[in-house]
Protein backbone atom coordinates (compact mmCIF):
# COMPACT_ATOMS: atom_id res chain seq x y z
CA MET A 1 132.68 111.95 161.60
CA TYR A 2 136.39 111.86 160.68
CA LYS A 3 136.19 108.09 160.05
CA THR A 4 133.15 108.56 157.78
CA MET A 5 134.92 111.31 155.78
CA THR A 6 138.00 109.13 155.35
CA THR A 7 135.86 106.24 154.12
CA LEU A 8 134.07 108.47 151.62
CA VAL A 9 137.33 109.93 150.34
CA LEU A 10 138.86 106.48 149.91
CA ALA A 11 135.74 105.13 148.22
CA GLY A 12 135.70 108.12 145.89
CA ALA A 13 139.36 107.59 145.02
CA LEU A 14 138.93 103.87 144.31
CA LEU A 15 135.66 104.08 142.38
CA PRO A 16 137.25 105.27 139.11
CA LEU A 17 139.76 102.40 139.32
CA ALA A 18 136.96 99.84 139.39
CA ALA A 19 136.13 100.69 135.78
CA CYS A 20 139.73 100.23 134.61
CA VAL A 21 139.64 96.62 133.48
CA GLU A 22 141.89 95.56 130.64
CA ASP A 23 140.20 93.43 128.00
CA THR A 24 142.71 90.76 127.00
CA GLY A 25 140.47 89.00 124.51
CA SER A 26 139.23 85.48 125.02
CA ALA A 27 139.49 84.45 128.66
CA GLY A 28 140.51 80.87 127.87
CA ALA A 29 143.03 81.55 125.10
CA PRO A 30 146.67 81.62 126.15
CA ALA A 31 148.96 84.52 125.21
CA VAL A 32 151.15 82.27 123.05
CA GLY A 33 150.47 79.76 120.33
CA SER A 34 147.55 79.43 117.98
CA SER A 35 145.09 76.78 116.91
CA SER A 36 147.41 75.92 114.00
CA ASP A 37 150.92 76.48 115.43
CA LEU A 38 152.31 75.63 118.87
CA SER A 39 155.99 76.34 118.13
CA SER A 40 155.99 79.34 120.49
CA PHE A 41 155.55 76.91 123.41
CA VAL A 42 159.24 75.88 123.19
CA GLY A 43 160.78 76.50 126.62
CA ALA A 44 157.42 76.59 128.42
CA ARG A 45 156.96 74.60 131.62
CA ALA A 46 155.16 71.45 130.58
CA GLY A 47 152.69 71.29 133.46
CA GLN A 48 151.63 74.90 133.09
CA ALA A 49 151.52 75.02 129.28
CA GLU A 50 149.35 71.93 128.88
CA MET A 51 146.14 73.77 129.75
CA GLY A 52 147.06 76.46 127.23
CA ILE A 53 147.36 73.84 124.52
CA ILE A 54 144.00 72.35 125.49
CA ASN A 55 142.43 75.83 125.46
CA LEU A 56 143.63 76.24 121.87
CA GLY A 57 141.55 73.21 120.91
CA TYR A 58 144.20 70.48 120.94
CA GLU A 59 143.76 67.03 122.41
CA LEU A 60 146.47 64.61 123.42
CA ILE A 61 146.48 61.76 120.89
CA ARG A 62 149.37 59.62 122.12
CA THR A 63 152.71 59.66 123.91
CA GLU A 64 156.01 57.95 123.15
CA GLY A 65 158.25 58.34 126.19
CA LEU A 66 158.71 62.09 126.74
CA THR A 67 157.18 62.95 123.37
CA ALA A 68 153.49 63.81 123.08
CA PHE A 69 151.40 64.17 119.94
CA TRP A 70 148.65 66.79 120.05
CA PHE A 71 145.91 67.20 117.44
CA ASN A 72 143.43 69.99 116.78
CA ARG A 73 140.40 68.49 115.02
CA SER A 74 138.97 71.84 113.96
CA THR A 75 142.15 73.02 112.18
CA GLY A 76 143.76 69.66 111.36
CA ALA A 77 146.98 70.81 113.05
CA CYS A 78 149.27 68.20 114.61
CA ALA A 79 152.13 68.94 116.99
CA ARG A 80 154.89 66.70 118.31
CA ILE A 81 156.12 68.07 121.64
CA THR A 82 159.17 66.72 123.44
CA THR A 83 159.71 67.43 127.14
CA SER A 84 163.12 67.69 128.79
CA ASN A 85 163.77 68.74 132.39
CA GLY A 86 160.10 69.67 132.80
CA ARG A 87 160.01 72.06 129.84
CA TYR A 88 159.00 71.76 126.21
CA SER A 89 162.37 71.37 124.50
CA ASP A 90 161.07 70.80 120.98
CA VAL A 91 157.76 71.60 119.29
CA THR A 92 157.36 70.45 115.70
CA MET A 93 154.22 70.95 113.64
CA LEU A 94 153.48 67.84 111.56
CA PRO A 95 151.00 66.81 108.87
CA ALA A 96 147.62 65.74 110.30
CA GLU A 97 148.16 62.12 109.29
CA ASP A 98 151.17 61.90 111.63
CA CYS A 99 148.91 62.30 114.62
């Protein structure tokens, strides 16, 4: 009986916590950047930030050494991102025609 009471007490204590879910907006959208500006990605780890850029609607257009050009077709935004030591060292937004 003691084990059953303990289980019920614990279940009762945890039940209210199950409803406490924070809504952080769109599940796929990263916390930084936007569909028209990626400059806040400076300093981000390249391997981890790449999915965030893709989730914002960008696609990799081309690379030149450690520099990648990303384009968002829906907004017309173009970003030139340079990687150094595994991190984005420079993010420059460019005119669409530069992509």
